[in-house]
Every structure is written in structure tokens, then in C-alpha cells.
Amino acid sequence: MILKLKKWVSNIYLFLVFLFLYAPIFALVVFSFNDSKSMARWGGFTFKWYERLIHNESIMSALYYTIVVAILSSVIATIIGTISAIGIHKMKSKRRKLILNVNYLPVLNPDIVTAVALMSLFAFINIEFGFTTMLLAHIMFNIPYVILSVLPKIKQMPQNIEEAALDLGATPMYALRKVILPQIKPGIVSGFLIAFTMSVDDFIISFFNTGNGVSNLSIEIYGMARRGIKPEINALSTIMFVTVLGLLLLSNKKQSIVRGDK
């Protein structure tokens, strides 16, 4: 009886936690189909906000820059971060600890400090603010997260696996491509996804390091907040949520198929 009661209470607690987390998203999805601009009343079911979203040039331009910057910065940061993590792992203990402490600084620093520091750097070296500065800022911001994601997987590799590959005749590059990278692939994928998410979600770094004519979604929505959020944003957020949910479901299905094959 006591075990059943504990299970019942834990299920209710879990339900309330998920309700608290997903109720706002559910409300956003519902009101993306609301015929009324007001979220205080239901005006009927409609798809007009999705249609207007496609024809809203400012939002579509911001979405374009958001996706392009997120993909480019994530790919570049993942490559640099993975190579850096492998190099850090091979360092001696004291030097490795020093480099890791330096790597923690951008993660622990308030975003405003990093944003102002990058802005000052770009102004000092006289780079015109715009797409390039935003991309560089996102790459520099994402690299530490990739390193922290890849390093644990490198530490989990069997010891001397690289030396074994070299002893069997593999070149260093071949050993890297065929032995090391497959072993740490989950960490690389996780690092890429974290970098992509951080880039899409970022506001402060982007706000301080962009120029005229270049705006991502966070900056665009911030500007709209002063005039009132348009219902098109609800439609865009719904599309992004459904896309991410679909990718997660496909990823989980693929992993379950792989486990079944094994």
C-alpha cells in the first residue's frame, strides 16, 4: 500500500513538473491558430498567421540570418573545439588544468562581459560590424562548450588505442579519422547540438556584435516587444518547436533501431 502511494505521488509530481514546463509552449501553439490578435480571447481557428509569416520580410530575414549563423558557427566551432579537446587531452596535467580553467572563463562569465569584450576587440581591429562580426562572435562563444562536450568522451576512450593503431601501420591522420573520431562521435554530435542551440538562443552576444541590416530572431523579437509581439511570432515558434520535436523523435527512433540491430 505504501509503495503504491509513493508511486502515485511521484507520478503526480512528475505530471506537475511537465505541466509547468510545457503549458506555456502548449498555449503558444494554440494561440498560433487564434483568429484574434489578442491572447486574452479566442477568435476562432485560422492559418492566417502562418500565411502572413511567410510574407513578413523582416521576420524571414531574421530567420535566415539566425539559421545561417547558427549552422556556420556550430560547424566551425565543432571542428575547432574537437581538435582543441584532443590537443588538451594530450597535454601534461598542470598545463591541461591551466588551459581548462581558461576555457571555463567564457562559460562562467556573464554574457554581457563577453559581448562587450568582443565588441571592443572588433572595434579595435577595425572590423565593420555586420554578418562577419556576428558569426565570429558566435564561433568564439561556442568553442568552449564544444570542448567541454568532447573532452569526457576522449577520456572514456580505451588507453593507448591511438598507439595501437599507429603500431599496426596507420598514419596519424588515418588513426584520427578511423579510430579516434568514431570513438568520440557522440561527444562531437552533442557539442554541435549545444553550439547550435546556444547560437539560435543567443541575444546579448548578437545584439552587441551586429550591424545595420543584420538581425537574428532574438534581436527582431526584442524590437517587436516594444511595439507588441505579432501573432506571426507564435506561428514561427510553433514551427520551430515542431521541427525540433520531430528531429528528436527521428533521432530516438534511429538509436532504437541501431540497438535492435545489435
Protein backbone atom coordinates (compact mmCIF):
# COMPACT_ATOMS: atom_id res chain seq x y z
CA MET A 1 0.00 0.00 0.00
CA ILE A 2 2.78 2.41 0.93
CA LEU A 3 4.68 1.59 -2.29
CA LYS A 4 1.57 2.24 -4.37
CA LEU A 5 1.04 5.57 -2.59
CA LYS A 6 4.65 6.61 -3.21
CA LYS A 7 4.35 5.68 -6.89
CA TRP A 8 1.07 7.62 -7.16
CA VAL A 9 2.61 10.71 -5.53
CA SER A 10 5.72 10.50 -7.71
CA ASN A 11 3.55 10.25 -10.85
CA ILE A 12 1.54 13.32 -9.83
CA TYR A 13 4.75 15.21 -9.08
CA LEU A 14 6.20 14.27 -12.47
CA PHE A 15 2.96 15.31 -14.20
CA LEU A 16 3.01 18.72 -12.48
CA VAL A 17 6.65 19.28 -13.45
CA PHE A 18 5.97 18.54 -17.11
CA LEU A 19 2.79 20.62 -16.98
CA PHE A 20 4.78 23.58 -15.63
CA LEU A 21 7.42 23.14 -18.36
CA TYR A 22 5.14 22.61 -21.35
CA ALA A 23 1.99 24.59 -20.55
CA PRO A 24 3.47 27.84 -21.97
CA ILE A 25 4.51 26.04 -25.16
CA PHE A 26 1.06 24.48 -25.46
CA ALA A 27 -0.55 27.92 -25.05
CA LEU A 28 1.78 29.35 -27.71
CA VAL A 29 0.86 26.57 -30.17
CA VAL A 30 -2.86 27.00 -29.53
CA PHE A 31 -2.81 30.78 -29.97
CA SER A 32 -0.79 30.50 -33.19
CA PHE A 33 -4.13 29.32 -34.67
CA ASN A 34 -6.16 32.05 -32.96
CA ASP A 35 -8.01 34.36 -35.37
CA SER A 36 -7.73 37.21 -32.86
CA LYS A 37 -4.54 39.19 -32.29
CA SER A 38 -5.27 39.19 -28.56
CA MET A 39 -4.19 36.23 -26.46
CA ALA A 40 -6.89 37.15 -23.95
CA ARG A 41 -9.71 35.73 -26.07
CA TRP A 42 -10.27 33.03 -28.68
CA GLY A 43 -11.47 34.41 -32.00
CA GLY A 44 -11.73 31.19 -33.97
CA PHE A 45 -9.41 28.79 -35.77
CA THR A 46 -7.24 30.13 -38.59
CA PHE A 47 -3.99 29.61 -40.53
CA LYS A 48 -3.62 33.27 -41.50
CA TRP A 49 -0.70 33.94 -39.14
CA TYR A 50 1.31 31.22 -40.86
CA GLU A 51 0.49 32.77 -44.22
CA ARG A 52 1.47 36.23 -43.00
CA LEU A 53 4.67 34.80 -41.53
CA ILE A 54 5.83 33.74 -44.99
CA HIS A 55 5.22 37.26 -46.33
CA ASN A 56 6.79 39.07 -43.34
CA GLU A 57 10.16 40.13 -44.80
CA SER A 58 11.70 41.28 -41.51
CA ILE A 59 10.97 38.02 -39.70
CA MET A 60 12.03 35.86 -42.64
CA SER A 61 15.27 37.84 -42.98
CA ALA A 62 15.94 37.42 -39.25
CA LEU A 63 15.19 33.69 -39.54
CA TYR A 64 17.62 33.41 -42.47
CA TYR A 65 20.48 35.08 -40.56
CA THR A 66 19.67 33.05 -37.44
CA ILE A 67 19.88 29.70 -39.25
CA VAL A 68 22.93 30.62 -41.37
CA VAL A 69 24.90 31.96 -38.40
CA ALA A 70 23.86 29.02 -36.20
CA ILE A 71 24.88 26.39 -38.77
CA LEU A 72 28.17 28.03 -39.78
CA SER A 73 29.23 28.89 -36.22
CA SER A 74 28.28 25.43 -34.94
CA VAL A 75 30.19 23.60 -37.68
CA ILE A 76 33.31 25.77 -37.33
CA ALA A 77 33.18 25.73 -33.52
CA THR A 78 32.74 21.94 -33.53
CA ILE A 79 35.79 21.44 -35.75
CA ILE A 80 37.97 23.83 -33.73
CA GLY A 81 36.62 22.57 -30.39
CA THR A 82 37.16 18.90 -31.27
CA ILE A 83 40.76 19.47 -32.39
CA SER A 84 41.37 21.60 -29.29
CA ALA A 85 39.90 18.93 -26.99
CA ILE A 86 42.18 16.27 -28.48
CA GLY A 87 45.18 18.56 -28.02
CA ILE A 88 44.21 19.44 -24.44
CA HIS A 89 43.83 15.75 -23.58
CA LYS A 90 47.40 15.08 -24.71
CA MET A 91 48.88 17.88 -22.58
CA LYS A 92 50.62 17.29 -19.28
CA SER A 93 48.50 17.51 -16.15
CA LYS A 94 49.43 21.03 -14.96
CA ARG A 95 49.23 22.59 -18.40
CA ARG A 96 45.94 20.80 -19.11
CA LYS A 97 44.40 22.16 -15.89
CA LEU A 98 45.55 25.69 -16.76
CA ILE A 99 44.04 25.53 -20.26
CA LEU A 100 40.79 24.08 -18.93
CA ASN A 101 40.50 26.88 -16.36
CA VAL A 102 40.97 29.39 -19.18
CA ASN A 103 38.32 27.52 -21.19
CA TYR A 104 35.86 27.80 -18.29
CA LEU A 105 36.07 31.62 -18.28
CA PRO A 106 33.77 32.29 -21.28
CA VAL A 107 31.29 29.77 -19.89
CA LEU A 108 31.22 31.24 -16.38
CA ASN A 109 31.48 34.86 -17.49
CA PRO A 110 28.22 36.82 -17.75
CA ASP A 111 27.21 37.10 -21.39
CA ILE A 112 27.30 40.88 -21.20
CA VAL A 113 31.03 40.80 -20.32
CA THR A 114 31.83 38.50 -23.26
CA ALA A 115 29.66 40.58 -25.60
CA VAL A 116 31.30 43.89 -24.67
CA ALA A 117 34.77 42.33 -24.82
CA LEU A 118 34.16 41.00 -28.34
CA MET A 119 32.65 44.30 -29.42
CA SER A 120 35.72 46.15 -28.13
CA LEU A 121 38.02 43.71 -29.93
CA PHE A 122 36.22 44.12 -33.27
CA ALA A 123 36.24 47.89 -32.88
CA PHE A 124 39.97 47.86 -32.01
CA ILE A 125 40.95 45.86 -35.09
CA ASN A 126 38.55 47.97 -37.17
CA ILE A 127 36.23 45.24 -38.48
CA GLU A 128 32.97 46.57 -39.88
CA PHE A 129 30.09 45.36 -37.72
CA GLY A 130 27.66 43.09 -39.50
CA PHE A 131 27.35 39.45 -40.51
CA THR A 132 31.08 38.71 -40.13
CA THR A 133 31.35 40.07 -36.59
CA MET A 134 28.19 38.24 -35.51
CA LEU A 135 29.50 34.98 -36.97
CA LEU A 136 32.93 35.37 -35.36
CA ALA A 137 31.32 36.22 -32.00
CA HIS A 138 29.15 33.11 -32.11
CA ILE A 139 32.11 30.89 -33.05
CA MET A 140 34.20 32.22 -30.17
CA PHE A 141 31.24 31.89 -27.82
CA ASN A 142 30.51 28.26 -28.82
CA ILE A 143 34.02 26.76 -28.83
CA PRO A 144 34.29 26.30 -25.01
CA TYR A 145 31.01 24.38 -24.93
CA VAL A 146 32.20 22.03 -27.67
CA ILE A 147 35.47 21.39 -25.81
CA LEU A 148 33.60 20.60 -22.60
CA SER A 149 31.32 18.22 -24.50
CA VAL A 150 34.07 16.35 -26.38
CA LEU A 151 36.66 16.00 -23.58
CA PRO A 152 34.69 13.49 -21.46
CA LYS A 153 34.34 11.19 -24.48
CA ILE A 154 38.08 11.39 -25.13
CA LYS A 155 38.75 10.42 -21.52
CA GLN A 156 36.44 7.41 -21.92
CA MET A 157 38.45 6.03 -24.86
CA PRO A 158 40.49 2.88 -24.22
CA GLN A 159 44.01 3.80 -23.20
CA ASN A 160 46.74 3.58 -25.84
CA ILE A 161 44.19 2.95 -28.62
CA GLU A 162 45.90 5.52 -30.80
CA GLU A 163 49.33 3.98 -30.20
CA ALA A 164 47.90 0.58 -31.10
CA ALA A 165 46.59 1.92 -34.41
CA LEU A 166 49.97 3.52 -35.17
CA ASP A 167 51.78 0.28 -34.33
CA LEU A 168 49.53 -1.54 -36.81
CA GLY A 169 50.67 0.78 -39.60
CA ALA A 170 48.09 3.57 -39.53
CA THR A 171 49.25 7.12 -40.21
CA PRO A 172 48.38 9.78 -37.59
CA MET A 173 45.63 11.25 -39.83
CA TYR A 174 44.21 7.80 -40.60
CA ALA A 175 44.20 6.93 -36.90
CA LEU A 176 42.43 10.22 -36.19
CA ARG A 177 39.74 9.63 -38.84
CA LYS A 178 39.19 5.90 -38.36
CA VAL A 179 39.92 5.34 -34.68
CA ILE A 180 39.66 8.48 -32.54
CA LEU A 181 36.78 10.34 -34.22
CA PRO A 182 34.41 7.33 -34.28
CA GLN A 183 35.10 6.77 -30.57
CA ILE A 184 34.24 10.37 -29.64
CA LYS A 185 31.44 10.87 -32.19
CA PRO A 186 28.65 11.14 -29.54
CA GLY A 187 30.55 13.97 -27.82
CA ILE A 188 31.08 15.74 -31.15
CA VAL A 189 27.38 15.50 -32.03
CA SER A 190 26.41 16.72 -28.55
CA GLY A 191 28.85 19.62 -28.85
CA PHE A 192 27.41 20.58 -32.24
CA LEU A 193 23.83 20.48 -30.94
CA ILE A 194 24.74 22.55 -27.88
CA ALA A 195 26.56 25.10 -30.05
CA PHE A 196 23.62 25.27 -32.48
CA THR A 197 21.13 25.73 -29.64
CA MET A 198 23.25 28.39 -27.94
CA SER A 199 23.62 30.27 -31.22
CA VAL A 200 19.89 30.24 -32.02
CA ASP A 201 19.01 31.21 -28.45
CA ASP A 202 21.61 33.97 -28.05
CA PHE A 203 20.60 37.61 -27.77
CA ILE A 204 23.26 39.58 -25.89
CA ILE A 205 26.27 38.43 -27.94
CA SER A 206 24.36 39.07 -31.17
CA PHE A 207 22.97 42.44 -30.07
CA PHE A 208 26.39 43.90 -29.28
CA ASN A 209 28.19 42.46 -32.31
CA THR A 210 25.87 43.01 -35.25
CA GLY A 211 25.48 45.88 -37.69
CA ASN A 212 22.84 47.59 -39.79
CA GLY A 213 20.78 45.23 -41.91
CA VAL A 214 21.82 42.10 -40.00
CA SER A 215 19.41 40.86 -37.34
CA ASN A 216 18.59 37.45 -35.91
CA LEU A 217 15.32 36.31 -34.37
CA SER A 218 16.20 37.26 -30.81
CA ILE A 219 17.04 40.83 -31.84
CA GLU A 220 13.95 41.04 -34.06
CA ILE A 221 11.65 39.80 -31.29
CA TYR A 222 13.28 42.20 -28.82
CA GLY A 223 12.48 45.07 -31.19
CA MET A 224 8.89 43.84 -31.57
CA ALA A 225 8.44 43.64 -27.80
CA ARG A 226 8.49 47.43 -27.63
CA ARG A 227 5.64 47.68 -30.15
CA GLY A 228 3.86 44.46 -29.21
CA ILE A 229 4.58 40.88 -30.21
CA LYS A 230 2.93 39.98 -33.51
CA PRO A 231 0.98 36.70 -33.77
CA GLU A 232 3.37 35.66 -36.57
CA ILE A 233 5.97 35.01 -33.87
CA ASN A 234 3.63 32.44 -32.30
CA ALA A 235 3.41 30.71 -35.69
CA LEU A 236 7.20 30.78 -36.16
CA SER A 237 7.82 29.46 -32.64
CA THR A 238 5.34 26.64 -33.24
CA ILE A 239 7.11 25.63 -36.46
CA MET A 240 10.49 25.65 -34.69
CA PHE A 241 9.12 23.61 -31.77
CA VAL A 242 7.53 21.01 -34.06
CA THR A 243 10.76 20.80 -36.13
CA VAL A 244 12.93 20.20 -33.05
CA LEU A 245 10.42 17.69 -31.67
CA GLY A 246 10.42 15.83 -34.99
CA LEU A 247 14.21 15.71 -35.10
CA LEU A 248 14.33 14.35 -31.55
CA LEU A 249 11.79 11.64 -32.37
CA LEU A 250 13.71 10.64 -35.50
CA SER A 251 16.96 10.57 -33.55
CA ASN A 252 15.47 8.38 -30.82
CA LYS A 253 13.94 6.06 -33.43
CA LYS A 254 17.29 5.73 -35.20
CA GLN A 255 19.06 4.92 -31.91
CA SER A 256 16.45 2.30 -31.04
CA ILE A 257 16.87 0.69 -34.49
CA VAL A 258 20.65 0.59 -34.03
CA ARG A 259 20.28 -1.04 -30.61
CA GLY A 260 17.85 -3.57 -32.11
CA ASP A 261 20.36 -4.46 -34.83
CA LYS A 262 22.97 -5.10 -32.21
